[in-house]
N, C-alpha and C. Protein backbone atom coordinates (compact mmCIF):
# COMPACT_ATOMS: atom_id res chain seq x y z
N UNK A 1 -20.36 20.32 6.13
CA UNK A 1 -20.25 19.03 5.49
C UNK A 1 -19.71 17.99 6.48
N UNK A 2 -18.74 18.41 7.26
CA UNK A 2 -18.14 17.50 8.22
C UNK A 2 -19.18 17.04 9.24
N UNK A 3 -20.04 17.99 9.66
CA UNK A 3 -21.06 17.65 10.64
C UNK A 3 -22.06 16.66 10.06
N UNK A 4 -22.38 16.80 8.76
CA UNK A 4 -23.31 15.86 8.12
C UNK A 4 -22.68 14.47 8.05
N UNK A 5 -21.40 14.42 7.74
CA UNK A 5 -20.70 13.14 7.69
C UNK A 5 -20.70 12.48 9.05
N UNK A 6 -20.38 13.26 10.07
CA UNK A 6 -20.37 12.71 11.43
C UNK A 6 -21.76 12.24 11.84
N UNK A 7 -22.78 13.00 11.40
CA UNK A 7 -24.16 12.62 11.73
C UNK A 7 -24.51 11.29 11.07
N UNK A 8 -24.11 11.13 9.80
CA UNK A 8 -24.40 9.88 9.10
C UNK A 8 -23.65 8.71 9.73
N UNK A 9 -22.47 8.98 10.21
CA UNK A 9 -21.70 7.93 10.87
C UNK A 9 -22.14 7.73 12.32
N UNK A 10 -23.13 8.49 12.72
CA UNK A 10 -23.70 8.43 14.06
C UNK A 10 -22.64 8.71 15.13
N UNK A 11 -21.85 9.73 14.85
CA UNK A 11 -20.84 10.17 15.81
C UNK A 11 -21.25 11.55 16.29
N UNK A 12 -21.30 11.73 17.58
CA UNK A 12 -21.64 13.04 18.12
C UNK A 12 -20.51 14.01 17.81
N UNK A 13 -20.90 15.24 17.57
CA UNK A 13 -19.91 16.26 17.25
C UNK A 13 -19.14 16.65 18.49
N UNK A 14 -17.88 16.29 18.49
CA UNK A 14 -16.97 16.63 19.57
C UNK A 14 -15.73 17.19 18.89
N UNK A 15 -15.59 18.51 18.85
CA UNK A 15 -14.53 19.12 18.05
C UNK A 15 -13.14 18.57 18.31
N UNK A 16 -12.79 18.35 19.53
CA UNK A 16 -11.43 17.89 19.83
C UNK A 16 -11.26 16.42 19.44
N UNK A 17 -12.15 15.58 19.92
CA UNK A 17 -12.05 14.14 19.64
C UNK A 17 -12.21 13.83 18.17
N UNK A 18 -13.16 14.51 17.53
CA UNK A 18 -13.41 14.25 16.12
C UNK A 18 -12.25 14.72 15.25
N UNK A 19 -11.62 15.80 15.61
CA UNK A 19 -10.45 16.27 14.86
C UNK A 19 -9.33 15.24 14.93
N UNK A 20 -9.15 14.66 16.10
CA UNK A 20 -8.12 13.63 16.26
C UNK A 20 -8.44 12.44 15.37
N UNK A 21 -9.71 12.04 15.37
CA UNK A 21 -10.13 10.91 14.54
C UNK A 21 -9.91 11.23 13.07
N UNK A 22 -10.30 12.43 12.65
CA UNK A 22 -10.12 12.81 11.24
C UNK A 22 -8.65 12.86 10.85
N UNK A 23 -7.80 13.32 11.74
CA UNK A 23 -6.36 13.34 11.45
C UNK A 23 -5.82 11.92 11.29
N UNK A 24 -6.30 11.01 12.14
CA UNK A 24 -5.86 9.62 12.02
C UNK A 24 -6.34 9.01 10.71
N UNK A 25 -7.57 9.34 10.32
CA UNK A 25 -8.11 8.84 9.05
C UNK A 25 -7.27 9.37 7.89
N UNK A 26 -6.94 10.66 7.93
CA UNK A 26 -6.09 11.23 6.88
C UNK A 26 -4.73 10.55 6.85
N UNK A 27 -4.17 10.32 8.02
CA UNK A 27 -2.87 9.66 8.12
C UNK A 27 -2.94 8.25 7.55
N UNK A 28 -4.03 7.55 7.86
CA UNK A 28 -4.20 6.19 7.34
C UNK A 28 -4.39 6.20 5.83
N UNK A 29 -5.07 7.22 5.31
CA UNK A 29 -5.23 7.33 3.86
C UNK A 29 -3.88 7.51 3.17
N UNK A 30 -3.03 8.33 3.77
CA UNK A 30 -1.69 8.55 3.21
C UNK A 30 -0.91 7.24 3.22
N UNK A 31 -0.99 6.53 4.34
CA UNK A 31 -0.28 5.25 4.45
C UNK A 31 -0.83 4.25 3.44
N UNK A 32 -2.15 4.24 3.26
CA UNK A 32 -2.76 3.32 2.31
C UNK A 32 -2.31 3.64 0.89
N UNK A 33 -2.23 4.92 0.55
CA UNK A 33 -1.74 5.31 -0.77
C UNK A 33 -0.32 4.82 -0.99
N UNK A 34 0.52 4.98 0.03
CA UNK A 34 1.90 4.52 -0.08
C UNK A 34 1.97 3.00 -0.25
N UNK A 35 1.12 2.29 0.50
CA UNK A 35 1.09 0.83 0.38
C UNK A 35 0.64 0.40 -1.01
N UNK A 36 -0.34 1.10 -1.56
CA UNK A 36 -0.81 0.76 -2.90
C UNK A 36 0.29 0.98 -3.93
N UNK A 37 1.06 2.06 -3.78
CA UNK A 37 2.17 2.31 -4.69
C UNK A 37 3.24 1.23 -4.54
N UNK A 38 3.51 0.84 -3.30
CA UNK A 38 4.48 -0.23 -3.07
C UNK A 38 4.01 -1.54 -3.68
N UNK A 39 2.72 -1.81 -3.57
CA UNK A 39 2.17 -3.03 -4.15
C UNK A 39 2.33 -3.04 -5.67
N UNK A 40 2.10 -1.88 -6.30
CA UNK A 40 2.30 -1.78 -7.75
C UNK A 40 3.76 -2.04 -8.10
N UNK A 41 4.67 -1.46 -7.32
CA UNK A 41 6.09 -1.67 -7.58
C UNK A 41 6.48 -3.12 -7.37
N UNK A 42 5.89 -3.76 -6.36
CA UNK A 42 6.17 -5.16 -6.10
C UNK A 42 5.71 -6.02 -7.27
N UNK A 43 4.53 -5.73 -7.81
CA UNK A 43 4.03 -6.47 -8.96
C UNK A 43 4.96 -6.32 -10.15
N UNK A 44 5.42 -5.09 -10.39
CA UNK A 44 6.36 -4.86 -11.49
C UNK A 44 7.66 -5.63 -11.25
N UNK A 45 8.14 -5.61 -10.01
CA UNK A 45 9.37 -6.31 -9.66
C UNK A 45 9.21 -7.81 -9.89
N UNK A 46 8.06 -8.37 -9.48
CA UNK A 46 7.83 -9.80 -9.67
C UNK A 46 7.80 -10.16 -11.14
N UNK A 47 7.21 -9.29 -11.98
CA UNK A 47 7.20 -9.54 -13.42
C UNK A 47 8.62 -9.51 -13.97
N UNK A 48 9.42 -8.55 -13.49
CA UNK A 48 10.81 -8.48 -13.93
C UNK A 48 11.60 -9.70 -13.49
N UNK A 49 11.32 -10.19 -12.29
CA UNK A 49 12.00 -11.40 -11.82
C UNK A 49 11.66 -12.59 -12.71
N UNK A 50 10.39 -12.70 -13.11
CA UNK A 50 9.98 -13.79 -13.99
C UNK A 50 10.73 -13.70 -15.32
N UNK A 51 10.83 -12.48 -15.85
CA UNK A 51 11.55 -12.30 -17.11
C UNK A 51 13.03 -12.65 -16.94
N UNK A 52 13.58 -12.28 -15.80
CA UNK A 52 14.98 -12.58 -15.53
C UNK A 52 15.21 -14.09 -15.47
N UNK A 53 14.29 -14.81 -14.84
CA UNK A 53 14.40 -16.26 -14.78
C UNK A 53 14.33 -16.86 -16.18
N UNK A 54 13.45 -16.33 -17.01
CA UNK A 54 13.34 -16.83 -18.39
C UNK A 54 14.63 -16.56 -19.16
N UNK A 55 15.20 -15.37 -18.96
CA UNK A 55 16.47 -15.05 -19.62
C UNK A 55 17.58 -15.99 -19.16
N UNK A 56 17.58 -16.30 -17.88
CA UNK A 56 18.58 -17.21 -17.34
C UNK A 56 18.44 -18.59 -17.98
N UNK A 57 17.19 -19.05 -18.10
CA UNK A 57 16.95 -20.35 -18.74
C UNK A 57 17.39 -20.33 -20.19
N UNK A 58 17.10 -19.22 -20.88
CA UNK A 58 17.52 -19.11 -22.27
C UNK A 58 19.04 -19.12 -22.40
N UNK A 59 19.71 -18.44 -21.48
CA UNK A 59 21.17 -18.41 -21.51
C UNK A 59 21.74 -19.82 -21.31
N UNK A 60 21.17 -20.55 -20.36
CA UNK A 60 21.65 -21.91 -20.11
C UNK A 60 21.40 -22.80 -21.32
N UNK A 61 20.23 -22.63 -21.94
CA UNK A 61 19.91 -23.41 -23.12
C UNK A 61 20.86 -23.07 -24.26
N UNK A 62 21.14 -21.79 -24.42
CA UNK A 62 22.06 -21.35 -25.46
C UNK A 62 23.46 -21.94 -25.24
N UNK A 63 23.91 -21.97 -24.00
CA UNK A 63 25.22 -22.54 -23.70
C UNK A 63 25.26 -24.02 -24.01
N UNK A 64 24.14 -24.72 -23.75
CA UNK A 64 24.09 -26.15 -24.06
C UNK A 64 24.12 -26.38 -25.56
N UNK A 65 23.42 -25.53 -26.31
CA UNK A 65 23.36 -25.71 -27.76
C UNK A 65 24.67 -25.35 -28.44
N UNK A 66 25.32 -24.29 -27.98
CA UNK A 66 26.56 -23.84 -28.61
C UNK A 66 27.50 -23.28 -27.55
N UNK A 67 28.27 -24.15 -26.90
CA UNK A 67 29.15 -23.69 -25.81
C UNK A 67 30.24 -22.73 -26.28
N UNK A 68 30.54 -22.68 -27.57
CA UNK A 68 31.58 -21.78 -28.08
C UNK A 68 31.02 -20.46 -28.58
N UNK A 69 29.74 -20.24 -28.36
CA UNK A 69 29.10 -19.04 -28.85
C UNK A 69 29.63 -17.80 -28.14
N UNK A 70 29.78 -16.71 -28.88
CA UNK A 70 30.23 -15.45 -28.27
C UNK A 70 29.18 -14.91 -27.31
N UNK A 71 27.94 -15.25 -27.52
CA UNK A 71 26.87 -14.78 -26.63
C UNK A 71 27.01 -15.38 -25.24
N UNK A 72 27.44 -16.63 -25.17
CA UNK A 72 27.53 -17.27 -23.87
C UNK A 72 28.66 -16.69 -23.03
N UNK A 73 29.51 -15.88 -23.66
CA UNK A 73 30.59 -15.25 -22.92
C UNK A 73 30.27 -13.79 -22.56
N UNK A 74 29.01 -13.41 -22.68
CA UNK A 74 28.63 -12.07 -22.25
C UNK A 74 28.22 -11.14 -23.36
N UNK A 75 27.77 -11.66 -24.47
CA UNK A 75 27.33 -10.82 -25.58
C UNK A 75 25.97 -10.22 -25.29
N UNK A 76 24.97 -10.70 -25.98
CA UNK A 76 23.62 -10.17 -25.84
C UNK A 76 23.10 -10.35 -24.42
N UNK A 77 23.40 -11.45 -23.82
CA UNK A 77 22.85 -11.75 -22.50
C UNK A 77 23.75 -11.24 -21.37
N UNK A 78 24.34 -10.09 -21.57
CA UNK A 78 25.20 -9.54 -20.52
C UNK A 78 24.40 -8.72 -19.51
N UNK A 79 23.12 -9.01 -19.40
CA UNK A 79 22.25 -8.33 -18.44
C UNK A 79 22.70 -8.59 -17.01
N UNK A 80 23.47 -9.66 -16.82
CA UNK A 80 23.94 -9.97 -15.47
C UNK A 80 24.80 -8.84 -14.91
N UNK A 81 25.41 -8.06 -15.80
CA UNK A 81 26.23 -6.94 -15.34
C UNK A 81 25.40 -5.89 -14.63
N UNK A 82 24.10 -5.85 -14.94
CA UNK A 82 23.24 -4.82 -14.37
C UNK A 82 22.39 -5.33 -13.24
N UNK A 83 22.35 -6.60 -13.02
CA UNK A 83 21.49 -7.18 -12.00
C UNK A 83 22.34 -7.79 -10.91
N UNK A 84 22.14 -7.33 -9.70
CA UNK A 84 22.89 -7.85 -8.57
C UNK A 84 21.90 -8.19 -7.47
N UNK A 85 21.55 -9.48 -7.30
CA UNK A 85 20.51 -9.85 -6.33
C UNK A 85 20.86 -9.57 -4.90
């Protein structure tokens, strides 16, 4: 099968050189998989950041509406305790 693939790619069969190329391709595939996973995590992180910004805006709005509210002192919106930029 490998020889057919090399033939289609118009690469002469050279066991030593071709093995090196195939190892590099495998290595690049592994790196690409890792990059794709990182990209997914980055997208999730960006969505969480957007939600965090919205929560921050809501907290500020809540403080403006009712500065004596127990929530503005760390009630429901105490998510800041878990987030450290």
